[in-house]
Amino acid sequence: MASCSKVRIFVIPTGEELVMTEDTRALIQGAYHVHTSFTYSFQSRNHVNKAREEMLKAELAEKKELTEVIARPR
C-alpha cells in the first residue's frame, strides 16, 4: 500500500495540553523563559504519552492496515 505512493505523509501528534500545563506551572513558579529556550518534558527521546499509546494500540487492533504506514522513532 505505502510503497506505491509518490507522496510521503507524516502524522505528527501534538501536545498542546501538555505545553499549556507546563507553561502555566513554570509561570506560577517564576521559572518560565521564552518557549524557544524552555525545555518541555516531551522533548526527551524517552518521553511516552501513555494515553496516546493506548489509543493507538486500540486503533491498530481495529485497523491493521495502519501498521504498514505508521512511522516510529528509532
N, C-alpha and C. Protein backbone atom coordinates (compact mmCIF):
# COMPACT_ATOMS: atom_id res chain seq x y z
N MET A 1 0.82 -1.19 0.00
CA MET A 1 0.00 0.00 0.00
C MET A 1 0.86 1.25 0.00
N ALA A 2 1.71 1.44 0.98
CA ALA A 2 2.52 2.65 1.09
C ALA A 2 3.58 2.74 0.01
N SER A 3 4.07 1.61 -0.47
CA SER A 3 5.18 1.61 -1.42
C SER A 3 4.79 2.17 -2.79
N CYS A 4 3.50 2.18 -3.13
CA CYS A 4 3.09 2.68 -4.44
C CYS A 4 2.83 4.19 -4.43
N SER A 5 2.86 4.81 -3.29
CA SER A 5 2.59 6.24 -3.20
C SER A 5 3.82 7.06 -3.57
N LYS A 6 3.61 8.13 -4.30
CA LYS A 6 4.70 9.04 -4.65
C LYS A 6 4.88 10.12 -3.60
N VAL A 7 3.95 10.19 -2.67
CA VAL A 7 3.97 11.23 -1.66
C VAL A 7 4.08 10.59 -0.28
N ARG A 8 4.99 11.11 0.54
CA ARG A 8 5.11 10.65 1.92
C ARG A 8 4.29 11.58 2.80
N ILE A 9 3.48 11.00 3.64
CA ILE A 9 2.65 11.77 4.55
C ILE A 9 3.05 11.42 5.97
N PHE A 10 3.23 12.44 6.79
CA PHE A 10 3.59 12.23 8.18
C PHE A 10 2.48 12.79 9.07
N VAL A 11 2.10 12.02 10.05
CA VAL A 11 1.16 12.49 11.06
C VAL A 11 1.99 12.76 12.30
N ILE A 12 1.98 13.99 12.75
CA ILE A 12 2.78 14.38 13.89
C ILE A 12 1.85 14.72 15.04
N PRO A 13 1.81 13.85 16.04
CA PRO A 13 0.93 14.15 17.17
C PRO A 13 1.43 15.37 17.92
N THR A 14 0.50 16.14 18.39
CA THR A 14 0.85 17.35 19.13
C THR A 14 0.45 17.20 20.59
N GLY A 15 0.96 18.07 21.41
CA GLY A 15 0.65 18.01 22.83
C GLY A 15 0.37 19.38 23.39
N GLU A 16 -0.58 20.08 22.77
CA GLU A 16 -0.88 21.44 23.21
C GLU A 16 -1.27 21.49 24.68
N GLU A 17 -2.04 20.49 25.12
CA GLU A 17 -2.48 20.49 26.52
C GLU A 17 -1.29 20.36 27.47
N LEU A 18 -0.28 19.61 27.08
CA LEU A 18 0.91 19.47 27.91
C LEU A 18 1.73 20.75 27.89
N VAL A 19 1.84 21.39 26.74
CA VAL A 19 2.56 22.67 26.64
C VAL A 19 1.89 23.71 27.54
N MET A 20 0.56 23.80 27.46
CA MET A 20 -0.15 24.78 28.27
C MET A 20 0.05 24.50 29.77
N THR A 21 -0.02 23.24 30.14
CA THR A 21 0.15 22.86 31.54
C THR A 21 1.56 23.18 32.04
N GLU A 22 2.57 22.83 31.25
CA GLU A 22 3.95 23.08 31.67
C GLU A 22 4.27 24.57 31.67
N ASP A 23 3.72 25.33 30.71
CA ASP A 23 3.91 26.78 30.70
C ASP A 23 3.29 27.42 31.95
N THR A 24 2.07 27.01 32.26
CA THR A 24 1.38 27.55 33.43
C THR A 24 2.15 27.26 34.71
N ARG A 25 2.59 26.04 34.84
CA ARG A 25 3.36 25.66 36.04
C ARG A 25 4.63 26.50 36.16
N ALA A 26 5.34 26.64 35.06
CA ALA A 26 6.58 27.41 35.07
C ALA A 26 6.31 28.89 35.38
N LEU A 27 5.22 29.44 34.84
CA LEU A 27 4.86 30.83 35.13
C LEU A 27 4.58 31.02 36.61
N ILE A 28 3.81 30.10 37.20
CA ILE A 28 3.48 30.18 38.62
C ILE A 28 4.74 30.09 39.48
N GLN A 29 5.67 29.24 39.07
CA GLN A 29 6.90 29.05 39.83
C GLN A 29 7.94 30.13 39.53
N GLY A 30 7.67 30.98 38.55
CA GLY A 30 8.63 32.02 38.17
C GLY A 30 9.82 31.46 37.40
N ALA A 31 9.64 30.30 36.78
CA ALA A 31 10.74 29.65 36.09
C ALA A 31 10.59 29.68 34.57
N TYR A 32 9.58 30.36 34.07
CA TYR A 32 9.32 30.35 32.62
C TYR A 32 10.29 31.27 31.89
N HIS A 33 10.76 30.80 30.77
CA HIS A 33 11.54 31.60 29.82
C HIS A 33 10.82 31.48 28.49
N VAL A 34 11.17 32.28 27.54
CA VAL A 34 10.51 32.18 26.24
C VAL A 34 10.54 30.74 25.77
N HIS A 35 9.51 30.32 25.05
CA HIS A 35 9.38 28.91 24.68
C HIS A 35 10.55 28.38 23.86
N THR A 36 11.30 29.27 23.22
CA THR A 36 12.44 28.79 22.43
C THR A 36 13.61 28.35 23.30
N SER A 37 13.60 28.76 24.56
CA SER A 37 14.68 28.32 25.45
C SER A 37 14.16 27.51 26.63
N PHE A 38 12.85 27.24 26.64
CA PHE A 38 12.24 26.46 27.70
C PHE A 38 12.25 24.99 27.29
N THR A 39 12.57 24.10 28.19
CA THR A 39 12.61 22.67 27.88
C THR A 39 11.35 22.00 28.39
N TYR A 40 10.61 21.41 27.47
CA TYR A 40 9.37 20.70 27.82
C TYR A 40 9.67 19.22 28.05
N SER A 41 8.84 18.59 28.87
CA SER A 41 9.07 17.17 29.20
C SER A 41 9.03 16.28 27.96
N PHE A 42 8.19 16.61 26.99
CA PHE A 42 8.05 15.76 25.82
C PHE A 42 9.20 15.88 24.83
N GLN A 43 10.14 16.76 25.09
CA GLN A 43 11.29 16.89 24.21
C GLN A 43 12.29 15.76 24.40
N SER A 44 12.18 15.05 25.49
CA SER A 44 13.08 13.93 25.75
C SER A 44 12.78 12.79 24.78
N ARG A 45 13.81 12.14 24.26
CA ARG A 45 13.62 11.00 23.37
C ARG A 45 12.89 9.86 24.09
N ASN A 46 12.95 9.84 25.41
CA ASN A 46 12.32 8.77 26.17
C ASN A 46 10.88 9.06 26.56
N HIS A 47 10.38 10.25 26.22
CA HIS A 47 9.01 10.63 26.60
C HIS A 47 7.99 9.75 25.88
N VAL A 48 7.02 9.27 26.62
CA VAL A 48 5.92 8.49 26.05
C VAL A 48 4.61 9.05 26.59
N ASN A 49 3.72 9.38 25.68
CA ASN A 49 2.38 9.81 26.07
C ASN A 49 1.57 8.53 26.22
N LYS A 50 1.38 8.08 27.44
CA LYS A 50 0.75 6.78 27.70
C LYS A 50 -0.68 6.71 27.18
N ALA A 51 -1.43 7.77 27.34
CA ALA A 51 -2.82 7.77 26.86
C ALA A 51 -2.85 7.64 25.34
N ARG A 52 -1.98 8.37 24.66
CA ARG A 52 -1.93 8.31 23.19
C ARG A 52 -1.50 6.91 22.73
N GLU A 53 -0.55 6.31 23.42
CA GLU A 53 -0.09 4.96 23.06
C GLU A 53 -1.22 3.94 23.20
N GLU A 54 -2.01 4.07 24.25
CA GLU A 54 -3.14 3.15 24.46
C GLU A 54 -4.18 3.31 23.36
N MET A 55 -4.47 4.56 22.99
CA MET A 55 -5.44 4.81 21.91
C MET A 55 -4.92 4.26 20.59
N LEU A 56 -3.62 4.43 20.35
CA LEU A 56 -3.02 3.92 19.12
C LEU A 56 -3.09 2.40 19.07
N LYS A 57 -2.80 1.74 20.19
CA LYS A 57 -2.89 0.27 20.25
C LYS A 57 -4.28 -0.20 19.85
N ALA A 58 -5.29 0.44 20.40
CA ALA A 58 -6.67 0.07 20.09
C ALA A 58 -6.99 0.32 18.62
N GLU A 59 -6.53 1.45 18.10
CA GLU A 59 -6.80 1.76 16.70
C GLU A 59 -6.09 0.79 15.76
N LEU A 60 -4.85 0.43 16.09
CA LEU A 60 -4.11 -0.53 15.26
C LEU A 60 -4.75 -1.91 15.29
N ALA A 61 -5.33 -2.28 16.42
CA ALA A 61 -6.01 -3.57 16.52
C ALA A 61 -7.25 -3.58 15.62
N GLU A 62 -7.91 -2.43 15.53
CA GLU A 62 -9.12 -2.31 14.72
C GLU A 62 -8.81 -2.13 13.23
N LYS A 63 -7.74 -1.40 12.95
CA LYS A 63 -7.38 -1.08 11.55
C LYS A 63 -5.96 -1.56 11.28
N LYS A 64 -5.80 -2.84 11.07
CA LYS A 64 -4.48 -3.45 10.92
C LYS A 64 -3.66 -2.87 9.77
N GLU A 65 -4.32 -2.33 8.74
CA GLU A 65 -3.60 -1.76 7.60
C GLU A 65 -2.76 -0.55 8.00
N LEU A 66 -3.07 0.08 9.12
CA LEU A 66 -2.29 1.23 9.58
C LEU A 66 -0.87 0.84 9.97
N THR A 67 -0.65 -0.41 10.35
CA THR A 67 0.70 -0.83 10.75
C THR A 67 1.68 -0.71 9.59
N GLU A 68 1.16 -0.72 8.36
CA GLU A 68 2.03 -0.59 7.18
C GLU A 68 2.52 0.83 6.97
N VAL A 69 1.83 1.80 7.51
CA VAL A 69 2.16 3.20 7.21
C VAL A 69 2.59 3.99 8.41
N ILE A 70 2.53 3.42 9.59
CA ILE A 70 2.89 4.17 10.78
C ILE A 70 4.41 4.24 10.93
N ALA A 71 4.90 5.41 11.29
CA ALA A 71 6.33 5.60 11.50
C ALA A 71 6.59 5.70 12.99
N ARG A 72 7.63 5.07 13.44
CA ARG A 72 8.01 5.10 14.85
C ARG A 72 9.42 5.64 14.98
N PRO A 73 9.70 6.43 16.02
CA PRO A 73 11.08 6.90 16.22
C PRO A 73 11.99 5.72 16.51
N ARG A 74 13.22 5.86 16.13
CA ARG A 74 14.19 4.79 16.36
C ARG A 74 14.94 5.02 17.63
